[in-house]
């Protein structure tokens, strides 16, 4: 009667790129990558959802350069 239920916790992957983060898709166990950029202290711009982490990082770089910011850390 003293059984402990151990729930398997899904580990959310971490991105190695700035502004890119993993987001759970509707398919169990599958993650998509999203990226966003701060416009000012109050606003963030969502740049899109991508299946590939590198594609999300490229979108971040393009938008950062268009705003005149460095895309590096």
Protein backbone atom coordinates (compact mmCIF):
# COMPACT_ATOMS: atom_id res chain seq x y z
CA UNK A 1 0.00 0.00 0.00
CA UNK A 2 2.95 2.33 0.44
CA UNK A 3 3.75 2.63 -3.22
CA UNK A 4 5.34 5.80 -4.41
CA UNK A 5 4.30 6.89 -7.87
CA UNK A 6 7.28 8.13 -9.81
CA UNK A 7 6.26 10.38 -12.64
CA UNK A 8 8.70 10.63 -15.48
CA UNK A 9 9.51 14.30 -15.84
CA UNK A 10 10.26 15.46 -19.36
CA UNK A 11 13.50 17.39 -19.58
CA UNK A 12 13.11 20.57 -21.61
CA UNK A 13 16.17 21.09 -23.81
CA UNK A 14 18.19 24.26 -23.41
CA UNK A 15 19.32 26.27 -26.38
CA UNK A 16 22.92 27.24 -26.94
CA UNK A 17 21.78 30.39 -28.77
CA UNK A 18 20.67 33.73 -27.41
CA UNK A 19 16.93 34.48 -27.61
CA UNK A 20 15.99 30.89 -28.54
CA UNK A 21 14.05 28.56 -26.25
CA UNK A 22 12.34 25.20 -26.48
CA UNK A 23 8.56 24.98 -26.43
CA UNK A 24 6.44 21.84 -26.19
CA UNK A 25 4.56 20.99 -29.33
CA UNK A 26 1.22 19.20 -29.41
CA UNK A 27 3.01 15.94 -30.16
CA UNK A 28 4.11 14.32 -26.87
CA UNK A 29 7.87 14.31 -26.41
CA UNK A 30 8.55 16.67 -29.32
CA UNK A 31 9.80 20.21 -28.85
CA UNK A 32 9.81 23.13 -31.26
CA UNK A 33 12.05 26.18 -30.99
CA UNK A 34 10.79 29.73 -30.55
CA UNK A 35 12.67 32.98 -30.55
CA UNK A 36 11.86 36.44 -29.32
CA UNK A 37 13.67 39.74 -28.97
CA UNK A 38 13.21 42.62 -26.53
CA UNK A 39 12.26 45.80 -28.36
CA UNK A 40 12.39 47.98 -25.25
CA UNK A 41 11.81 47.52 -21.52
CA UNK A 42 8.10 46.76 -21.98
CA UNK A 43 7.78 45.04 -25.34
CA UNK A 44 9.03 41.75 -26.75
CA UNK A 45 8.72 40.75 -30.37
CA UNK A 46 7.93 37.10 -31.12
CA UNK A 47 9.96 36.13 -34.17
CA UNK A 48 8.46 32.73 -34.89
CA UNK A 49 8.34 29.03 -34.14
CA UNK A 50 10.79 26.70 -35.85
CA UNK A 51 11.43 22.97 -35.96
CA UNK A 52 15.19 23.60 -35.94
CA UNK A 53 17.16 25.43 -33.24
CA UNK A 54 19.61 26.88 -35.78
CA UNK A 55 16.80 28.32 -37.93
CA UNK A 56 15.40 30.10 -34.87
CA UNK A 57 18.85 31.50 -34.07
CA UNK A 58 19.21 32.79 -37.64
CA UNK A 59 15.85 34.58 -37.40
CA UNK A 60 17.01 36.18 -34.14
CA UNK A 61 20.28 37.31 -35.77
CA UNK A 62 18.53 38.85 -38.77
CA UNK A 63 16.10 40.84 -36.61
CA UNK A 64 18.82 41.92 -34.16
CA UNK A 65 20.94 43.27 -37.01
CA UNK A 66 17.92 45.06 -38.49
CA UNK A 67 17.47 46.84 -35.15
CA UNK A 68 21.17 47.72 -35.07
CA UNK A 69 22.03 45.39 -32.19
CA UNK A 70 24.70 42.80 -31.81
CA UNK A 71 23.41 39.26 -32.05
CA UNK A 72 26.28 37.96 -29.93
CA UNK A 73 26.13 37.54 -26.17
